[in-house]
Amino acid sequence: MRHVLSIEIEEFKREFIKSAHTVPGEQPEFCLFDDVEVLEKLVGFCYTCNKKHNVALDIDAYFVGPSCKNISYENTNSAKWANCYTDHDGSSGSTYRLGVKRGIEVTCPAVAFYENTKGVADCVKDLHGVKHRPRIEAQFEKHVNTHIYIYIKCFFV
């Protein structure tokens, strides 16, 4: 297995990713971008090769999880963001739209794994007291070229 791509907006986390996935004394062999918006633009600054280039990389397995900042248990205003995945509001909604949905479109992985948090998986009440529970669906398709695609959708109902 080879690490191909990471996206992290926090500099100290980017440094952790670089050190965790690079042999000491060697240069990183993967791309590291700073914001999921790069997936919309398709070109961005890479922090491992220090130049701008295309983000549509050849990826077999895509591991992704949106920011849980807005819907975190620690956020006292989390009810405001109960529909963030469907409305694409706030950092949680935008990272879901760009990092999850757009990232899968751009990289065309054979399989995508959606990392979720307990706060997202639990029932969330919006500002009107209406409960919203994310529903996860999986769709399996086998194509002529023997690739198996698994599509996973998570949205509030």
Protein backbone atom coordinates (compact mmCIF):
# COMPACT_ATOMS: atom_id res chain seq x y z
CA MET A 1 0.00 0.00 0.00
CA ARG A 2 1.26 3.47 -0.88
CA HIS A 3 0.03 6.81 0.48
CA VAL A 4 -0.91 9.01 -2.50
CA LEU A 5 -2.89 12.01 -1.28
CA SER A 6 -3.79 13.91 1.88
CA ILE A 7 -5.67 17.14 2.44
CA GLU A 8 -5.38 19.00 5.74
CA ILE A 9 -5.99 22.68 6.43
CA GLU A 10 -4.14 22.86 9.77
CA GLU A 11 -0.39 23.29 9.32
CA PHE A 12 0.58 21.33 12.45
CA LYS A 13 -1.57 18.42 11.25
CA ARG A 14 0.05 18.58 7.79
CA GLU A 15 3.44 18.30 9.50
CA PHE A 16 2.21 15.25 11.42
CA ILE A 17 0.95 13.64 8.20
CA LYS A 18 4.28 14.29 6.47
CA SER A 19 6.28 12.76 9.32
CA ALA A 20 3.92 9.80 9.75
CA HIS A 21 4.08 8.85 6.06
CA THR A 22 7.69 9.63 5.19
CA VAL A 23 10.78 7.53 5.82
CA PRO A 24 13.16 9.56 8.03
CA GLY A 25 15.77 11.36 5.94
CA GLU A 26 13.78 10.98 2.71
CA GLN A 27 11.38 13.28 0.86
CA PRO A 28 7.61 12.58 1.03
CA GLU A 29 6.35 10.61 -1.97
CA PHE A 30 2.71 11.70 -1.69
CA CYS A 31 0.73 14.86 -2.38
CA LEU A 32 -0.44 17.05 0.49
CA PHE A 33 -2.88 19.87 -0.12
CA ASP A 34 -4.27 22.33 2.42
CA ASP A 35 -7.99 22.70 1.71
CA VAL A 36 -10.72 20.50 0.25
CA GLU A 37 -11.58 23.39 -2.06
CA VAL A 38 -8.65 22.16 -4.15
CA LEU A 39 -10.94 19.32 -5.27
CA GLU A 40 -13.32 21.87 -6.79
CA LYS A 41 -10.51 23.81 -8.49
CA LEU A 42 -8.67 20.63 -9.59
CA VAL A 43 -5.29 22.36 -9.18
CA GLY A 44 -3.62 23.33 -5.93
CA PHE A 45 -0.38 23.92 -4.09
CA CYS A 46 1.21 20.69 -2.91
CA TYR A 47 3.11 20.96 0.39
CA THR A 48 5.38 18.00 -0.30
CA CYS A 49 6.72 18.98 -3.73
CA ASN A 50 6.24 22.75 -3.21
CA LYS A 51 4.49 23.44 -6.50
CA LYS A 52 0.99 23.65 -7.95
CA HIS A 53 -0.38 20.63 -9.78
CA ASN A 54 -3.46 18.62 -10.62
CA VAL A 55 -5.32 16.84 -7.79
CA ALA A 56 -7.02 14.25 -10.02
CA LEU A 57 -4.67 11.50 -8.92
CA ASP A 58 -4.97 7.77 -9.54
CA ILE A 59 -6.21 6.36 -6.25
CA ASP A 60 -7.41 2.83 -5.50
CA ALA A 61 -8.72 3.35 -1.95
CA TYR A 62 -10.03 6.68 -0.67
CA PHE A 63 -10.33 7.17 3.09
CA VAL A 64 -12.24 10.31 3.96
CA GLY A 65 -14.09 11.95 6.80
CA PRO A 66 -15.65 15.40 6.86
CA SER A 67 -14.96 17.95 9.55
CA CYS A 68 -17.21 17.36 12.54
CA LYS A 69 -16.62 20.84 13.95
CA ASN A 70 -20.18 22.09 13.45
CA ILE A 71 -21.94 18.95 14.66
CA SER A 72 -19.54 18.01 17.45
CA TYR A 73 -20.91 17.24 20.91
CA GLU A 74 -18.62 20.02 22.13
CA ASN A 75 -20.33 22.64 19.95
CA THR A 76 -23.14 24.23 21.96
CA ASN A 77 -24.74 25.46 18.70
CA SER A 78 -24.67 22.07 16.96
CA ALA A 79 -28.47 22.06 16.47
CA LYS A 80 -28.03 24.91 13.99
CA TRP A 81 -26.04 22.54 11.77
CA ALA A 82 -28.36 19.49 11.94
CA ASN A 83 -28.89 19.57 8.15
CA CYS A 84 -25.33 20.53 7.21
CA TYR A 85 -24.71 17.43 5.08
CA THR A 86 -27.77 18.00 2.92
CA ASP A 87 -27.50 21.82 2.88
CA HIS A 88 -23.68 21.81 2.67
CA ASP A 89 -23.50 24.54 5.32
CA GLY A 90 -20.57 25.28 7.62
CA SER A 91 -17.24 23.49 7.71
CA SER A 92 -18.90 20.10 8.24
CA GLY A 93 -21.18 20.51 5.24
CA SER A 94 -18.56 21.95 2.92
CA THR A 95 -15.99 19.26 3.75
CA TYR A 96 -18.66 16.64 3.14
CA ARG A 97 -19.61 18.16 -0.23
CA LEU A 98 -16.03 18.72 -1.37
CA GLY A 99 -13.90 16.21 0.54
CA VAL A 100 -16.29 13.29 0.37
CA LYS A 101 -18.53 13.70 -2.66
CA ARG A 102 -16.28 15.75 -4.94
CA GLY A 103 -13.14 13.91 -3.81
CA ILE A 104 -14.62 10.60 -4.90
CA GLU A 105 -15.66 12.07 -8.26
CA VAL A 106 -12.20 13.54 -8.89
CA THR A 107 -10.07 10.57 -7.82
CA CYS A 108 -12.38 7.74 -9.05
CA PRO A 109 -11.20 5.22 -6.44
CA ALA A 110 -12.07 1.53 -6.63
CA VAL A 111 -13.42 1.82 -3.09
CA ALA A 112 -14.11 4.73 -0.76
CA PHE A 113 -14.28 4.48 3.01
CA TYR A 114 -16.28 7.15 4.80
CA GLU A 115 -15.00 7.74 8.33
CA ASN A 116 -17.74 9.03 10.56
CA THR A 117 -17.88 10.27 14.12
CA LYS A 118 -20.25 9.23 16.88
CA GLY A 119 -21.78 12.71 16.93
CA VAL A 120 -22.70 12.41 13.27
CA ALA A 121 -24.08 8.91 13.65
CA ASP A 122 -26.36 9.84 16.55
CA CYS A 123 -29.73 11.46 16.19
CA VAL A 124 -29.41 15.26 16.02
CA LYS A 125 -32.22 17.69 16.87
CA ASP A 126 -32.43 20.83 14.79
CA LEU A 127 -33.44 24.26 16.15
CA HIS A 128 -37.12 23.28 15.92
CA GLY A 129 -36.64 20.08 17.93
CA VAL A 130 -37.00 17.79 14.90
CA LYS A 131 -34.73 14.75 15.04
CA HIS A 132 -32.52 13.97 12.07
CA ARG A 133 -30.71 10.64 11.84
CA PRO A 134 -28.19 10.04 9.11
CA ARG A 135 -29.07 7.18 6.82
CA ILE A 136 -26.25 5.24 5.24
CA GLU A 137 -26.84 3.41 1.99
CA ALA A 138 -24.45 1.19 0.11
CA GLN A 139 -24.74 0.34 -3.56
CA PHE A 140 -22.58 -2.31 -5.18
CA GLU A 141 -21.90 -2.41 -8.91
CA LYS A 142 -19.76 -4.82 -10.87
CA HIS A 143 -18.55 -3.49 -14.19
CA VAL A 144 -17.50 -5.38 -17.30
CA ASN A 145 -13.83 -4.81 -16.49
CA THR A 146 -14.33 -6.74 -13.21
CA HIS A 147 -13.98 -3.69 -10.97
CA ILE A 148 -16.39 -3.59 -8.06
CA TYR A 149 -17.60 -0.16 -7.00
CA ILE A 150 -19.17 0.50 -3.62
CA TYR A 151 -21.07 3.75 -3.31
CA ILE A 152 -21.85 4.89 0.22
CA LYS A 153 -24.16 7.80 0.90
CA CYS A 154 -24.83 9.32 4.28
CA PHE A 155 -27.53 11.93 4.64
CA PHE A 156 -30.07 13.11 7.18
CA VAL A 157 -33.71 12.06 6.90
